[in-house]
N, C-alpha and C. Protein backbone atom coordinates (compact mmCIF):
# COMPACT_ATOMS: atom_id res chain seq x y z
N MET A 1 -25.88 23.54 6.15
CA MET A 1 -24.45 23.37 6.30
C MET A 1 -23.89 22.73 5.04
N SER A 2 -22.80 23.24 4.51
CA SER A 2 -22.23 22.71 3.28
C SER A 2 -21.31 21.52 3.58
N LYS A 3 -21.18 20.66 2.57
CA LYS A 3 -20.29 19.51 2.71
C LYS A 3 -18.84 19.98 2.67
N PRO A 4 -17.95 19.30 3.39
CA PRO A 4 -16.53 19.68 3.34
C PRO A 4 -15.98 19.45 1.93
N HIS A 5 -15.04 20.27 1.52
CA HIS A 5 -14.42 20.15 0.22
C HIS A 5 -13.64 18.84 0.17
N PRO A 6 -13.83 18.02 -0.90
CA PRO A 6 -13.17 16.71 -0.92
C PRO A 6 -11.66 16.77 -1.11
N PHE A 7 -11.16 17.85 -1.71
CA PHE A 7 -9.73 17.99 -1.94
C PHE A 7 -9.13 18.93 -0.91
N PHE A 8 -7.87 18.75 -0.63
CA PHE A 8 -7.19 19.60 0.35
C PHE A 8 -6.77 20.90 -0.30
N ARG A 9 -7.04 22.00 0.35
CA ARG A 9 -6.67 23.32 -0.17
C ARG A 9 -5.29 23.73 0.29
N THR A 10 -4.87 23.25 1.47
CA THR A 10 -3.53 23.51 2.00
C THR A 10 -3.02 22.24 2.66
N PRO A 11 -1.71 22.08 2.77
CA PRO A 11 -1.18 20.89 3.45
C PRO A 11 -1.53 20.87 4.94
N ASN A 12 -1.89 22.03 5.50
CA ASN A 12 -2.23 22.09 6.93
C ASN A 12 -3.52 21.35 7.25
N GLU A 13 -4.33 21.04 6.25
CA GLU A 13 -5.59 20.32 6.48
C GLU A 13 -5.37 18.82 6.65
N ILE A 14 -4.17 18.35 6.35
CA ILE A 14 -3.87 16.92 6.38
C ILE A 14 -3.24 16.55 7.72
N VAL A 15 -3.70 15.45 8.29
CA VAL A 15 -3.15 15.01 9.57
C VAL A 15 -2.54 13.61 9.42
N ILE A 16 -1.50 13.35 10.18
CA ILE A 16 -0.86 12.03 10.16
C ILE A 16 -1.88 11.00 10.67
N GLY A 17 -1.94 9.88 9.98
CA GLY A 17 -2.88 8.82 10.33
C GLY A 17 -4.19 8.86 9.56
N ALA A 18 -4.43 9.94 8.82
CA ALA A 18 -5.67 10.07 8.05
C ALA A 18 -5.64 9.18 6.81
N VAL A 19 -6.81 8.72 6.41
CA VAL A 19 -6.94 7.96 5.16
C VAL A 19 -7.23 8.96 4.06
N VAL A 20 -6.41 8.89 3.00
CA VAL A 20 -6.57 9.77 1.85
C VAL A 20 -6.54 8.93 0.57
N PHE A 21 -6.99 9.52 -0.52
CA PHE A 21 -6.97 8.84 -1.82
C PHE A 21 -6.04 9.58 -2.75
N ASP A 22 -5.07 8.84 -3.30
CA ASP A 22 -4.10 9.41 -4.25
C ASP A 22 -4.67 9.25 -5.66
N ARG A 23 -4.93 10.37 -6.33
CA ARG A 23 -5.53 10.32 -7.67
C ARG A 23 -4.54 9.84 -8.72
N ASP A 24 -3.24 9.95 -8.47
CA ASP A 24 -2.25 9.47 -9.44
C ASP A 24 -2.12 7.95 -9.40
N TYR A 25 -1.99 7.38 -8.21
CA TYR A 25 -1.88 5.93 -8.07
C TYR A 25 -3.25 5.25 -8.07
N GLU A 26 -4.29 6.05 -7.93
CA GLU A 26 -5.67 5.58 -7.89
C GLU A 26 -5.89 4.54 -6.80
N MET A 27 -5.39 4.88 -5.59
CA MET A 27 -5.59 3.99 -4.44
C MET A 27 -5.48 4.78 -3.14
N PRO A 28 -6.15 4.26 -2.10
CA PRO A 28 -6.08 4.93 -0.80
C PRO A 28 -4.81 4.55 -0.06
N GLY A 29 -4.44 5.40 0.87
CA GLY A 29 -3.30 5.16 1.73
C GLY A 29 -3.49 5.92 3.03
N THR A 30 -2.62 5.64 3.98
CA THR A 30 -2.64 6.32 5.26
C THR A 30 -1.48 7.30 5.32
N VAL A 31 -1.75 8.52 5.79
CA VAL A 31 -0.70 9.54 5.88
C VAL A 31 0.30 9.11 6.93
N ARG A 32 1.55 9.04 6.51
CA ARG A 32 2.64 8.60 7.39
C ARG A 32 3.51 9.79 7.85
N ASN A 33 3.69 10.76 6.95
CA ASN A 33 4.55 11.91 7.28
C ASN A 33 4.17 13.07 6.38
N LEU A 34 4.46 14.27 6.85
CA LEU A 34 4.23 15.50 6.08
C LEU A 34 5.54 16.26 5.96
N ASP A 35 5.82 16.76 4.76
CA ASP A 35 7.05 17.49 4.50
C ASP A 35 6.74 18.64 3.56
N GLY A 36 6.23 19.74 4.11
CA GLY A 36 5.84 20.88 3.28
C GLY A 36 4.65 20.50 2.41
N ARG A 37 4.84 20.60 1.09
CA ARG A 37 3.78 20.26 0.14
C ARG A 37 3.72 18.76 -0.14
N TRP A 38 4.67 18.01 0.36
CA TRP A 38 4.77 16.58 0.09
C TRP A 38 4.20 15.77 1.25
N VAL A 39 3.48 14.73 0.90
CA VAL A 39 2.85 13.85 1.88
C VAL A 39 3.37 12.43 1.62
N GLU A 40 3.81 11.77 2.67
CA GLU A 40 4.26 10.39 2.56
C GLU A 40 3.10 9.48 2.97
N LEU A 41 2.76 8.55 2.08
CA LEU A 41 1.64 7.64 2.32
C LEU A 41 2.16 6.22 2.46
N GLN A 42 1.35 5.39 3.11
CA GLN A 42 1.71 3.98 3.29
C GLN A 42 0.47 3.12 3.14
N ARG A 43 0.69 1.94 2.54
CA ARG A 43 -0.35 0.93 2.43
C ARG A 43 -0.05 -0.16 3.46
N PRO A 44 -1.05 -0.95 3.85
CA PRO A 44 -0.80 -2.04 4.80
C PRO A 44 0.21 -3.06 4.31
N THR A 45 0.43 -3.13 3.00
CA THR A 45 1.41 -4.07 2.45
C THR A 45 2.85 -3.60 2.67
N GLY A 46 3.01 -2.35 3.15
CA GLY A 46 4.35 -1.81 3.37
C GLY A 46 4.78 -0.87 2.27
N PHE A 47 4.00 -0.76 1.20
CA PHE A 47 4.32 0.15 0.09
C PHE A 47 4.24 1.59 0.60
N ILE A 48 5.32 2.35 0.39
CA ILE A 48 5.39 3.75 0.83
C ILE A 48 5.72 4.61 -0.38
N TRP A 49 5.03 5.75 -0.50
CA TRP A 49 5.30 6.68 -1.58
C TRP A 49 5.01 8.11 -1.17
N ARG A 50 5.59 9.04 -1.93
CA ARG A 50 5.40 10.48 -1.66
C ARG A 50 4.59 11.09 -2.78
N VAL A 51 3.74 12.02 -2.42
CA VAL A 51 2.87 12.68 -3.40
C VAL A 51 2.62 14.12 -2.95
N ASN A 52 2.45 15.00 -3.93
CA ASN A 52 2.10 16.38 -3.63
C ASN A 52 0.68 16.42 -3.07
N PHE A 53 0.44 17.23 -2.07
CA PHE A 53 -0.86 17.24 -1.39
C PHE A 53 -2.01 17.57 -2.35
N THR A 54 -1.72 18.28 -3.44
CA THR A 54 -2.79 18.67 -4.38
C THR A 54 -3.36 17.47 -5.14
N ARG A 55 -2.68 16.33 -5.11
CA ARG A 55 -3.14 15.12 -5.80
C ARG A 55 -3.99 14.24 -4.89
N LEU A 56 -4.23 14.69 -3.66
CA LEU A 56 -4.97 13.90 -2.67
C LEU A 56 -6.37 14.42 -2.45
N ARG A 57 -7.24 13.51 -2.08
CA ARG A 57 -8.56 13.90 -1.57
C ARG A 57 -8.79 13.09 -0.30
N ARG A 58 -9.77 13.53 0.46
CA ARG A 58 -10.10 12.80 1.69
C ARG A 58 -10.60 11.41 1.33
N GLY A 59 -10.20 10.43 2.12
CA GLY A 59 -10.67 9.07 1.89
C GLY A 59 -12.10 8.89 2.35
N THR A 60 -12.84 8.03 1.67
CA THR A 60 -14.22 7.74 2.05
C THR A 60 -14.22 6.65 3.12
N GLU A 61 -15.38 6.43 3.71
CA GLU A 61 -15.50 5.35 4.70
C GLU A 61 -15.21 4.00 4.04
N ARG A 62 -15.63 3.85 2.82
CA ARG A 62 -15.40 2.60 2.08
C ARG A 62 -13.90 2.38 1.88
N GLU A 63 -13.17 3.42 1.54
CA GLU A 63 -11.72 3.30 1.35
C GLU A 63 -11.02 3.00 2.66
N ALA A 64 -11.50 3.55 3.75
CA ALA A 64 -10.93 3.23 5.07
C ALA A 64 -11.16 1.75 5.40
N ARG A 65 -12.36 1.25 5.11
CA ARG A 65 -12.65 -0.18 5.33
C ARG A 65 -11.77 -1.06 4.43
N GLN A 66 -11.51 -0.57 3.22
CA GLN A 66 -10.65 -1.31 2.29
C GLN A 66 -9.25 -1.47 2.88
N LEU A 67 -8.71 -0.42 3.49
CA LEU A 67 -7.38 -0.49 4.08
C LEU A 67 -7.37 -1.44 5.29
N VAL A 68 -8.45 -1.43 6.07
CA VAL A 68 -8.54 -2.35 7.22
C VAL A 68 -8.56 -3.79 6.73
N ALA A 69 -9.35 -4.08 5.69
CA ALA A 69 -9.42 -5.43 5.13
C ALA A 69 -8.06 -5.85 4.54
N LEU A 70 -7.39 -4.93 3.88
CA LEU A 70 -6.09 -5.24 3.31
C LEU A 70 -5.06 -5.53 4.41
N ALA A 71 -5.15 -4.80 5.52
CA ALA A 71 -4.24 -5.04 6.65
C ALA A 71 -4.48 -6.44 7.24
N LYS A 72 -5.75 -6.85 7.36
CA LYS A 72 -6.06 -8.19 7.87
C LYS A 72 -5.51 -9.25 6.93
N LEU A 73 -5.69 -9.05 5.65
CA LEU A 73 -5.17 -9.99 4.66
C LEU A 73 -3.65 -10.09 4.73
N GLN A 74 -3.01 -8.94 4.86
CA GLN A 74 -1.53 -8.91 4.93
C GLN A 74 -1.02 -9.65 6.17
N ARG A 75 -1.69 -9.45 7.31
CA ARG A 75 -1.31 -10.17 8.53
C ARG A 75 -1.45 -11.68 8.35
N ALA A 76 -2.55 -12.09 7.71
CA ALA A 76 -2.76 -13.53 7.47
C ALA A 76 -1.71 -14.08 6.54
N ARG A 77 -1.33 -13.32 5.52
CA ARG A 77 -0.30 -13.77 4.59
C ARG A 77 1.05 -13.91 5.30
N GLU A 78 1.36 -12.97 6.19
CA GLU A 78 2.65 -13.03 6.90
C GLU A 78 2.68 -14.19 7.88
N ARG A 79 1.56 -14.53 8.48
CA ARG A 79 1.50 -15.68 9.40
C ARG A 79 1.73 -16.97 8.63
N GLY A 80 1.31 -17.01 7.38
CA GLY A 80 1.43 -18.23 6.57
C GLY A 80 2.78 -18.46 5.97
N ARG A 81 3.72 -17.56 6.17
CA ARG A 81 5.07 -17.71 5.60
C ARG A 81 5.81 -18.85 6.22
């Protein structure tokens, strides 16, 4: 069995809530919305941006853990305000 292709070939392969890696910003994000060829991503810090689906690849398990850790840190920072 072959490994899945790391990059998306069509926007239909992307699902809301998936962890992806943006090669332009060089960071992972969670898919928030889809608009044709454009994908809206979000970081746990609240940073939101749009990117063409061709600039994305599937997120690794490590990148998913990174987002979880960042979300925990962000919650702790907000409690400390």
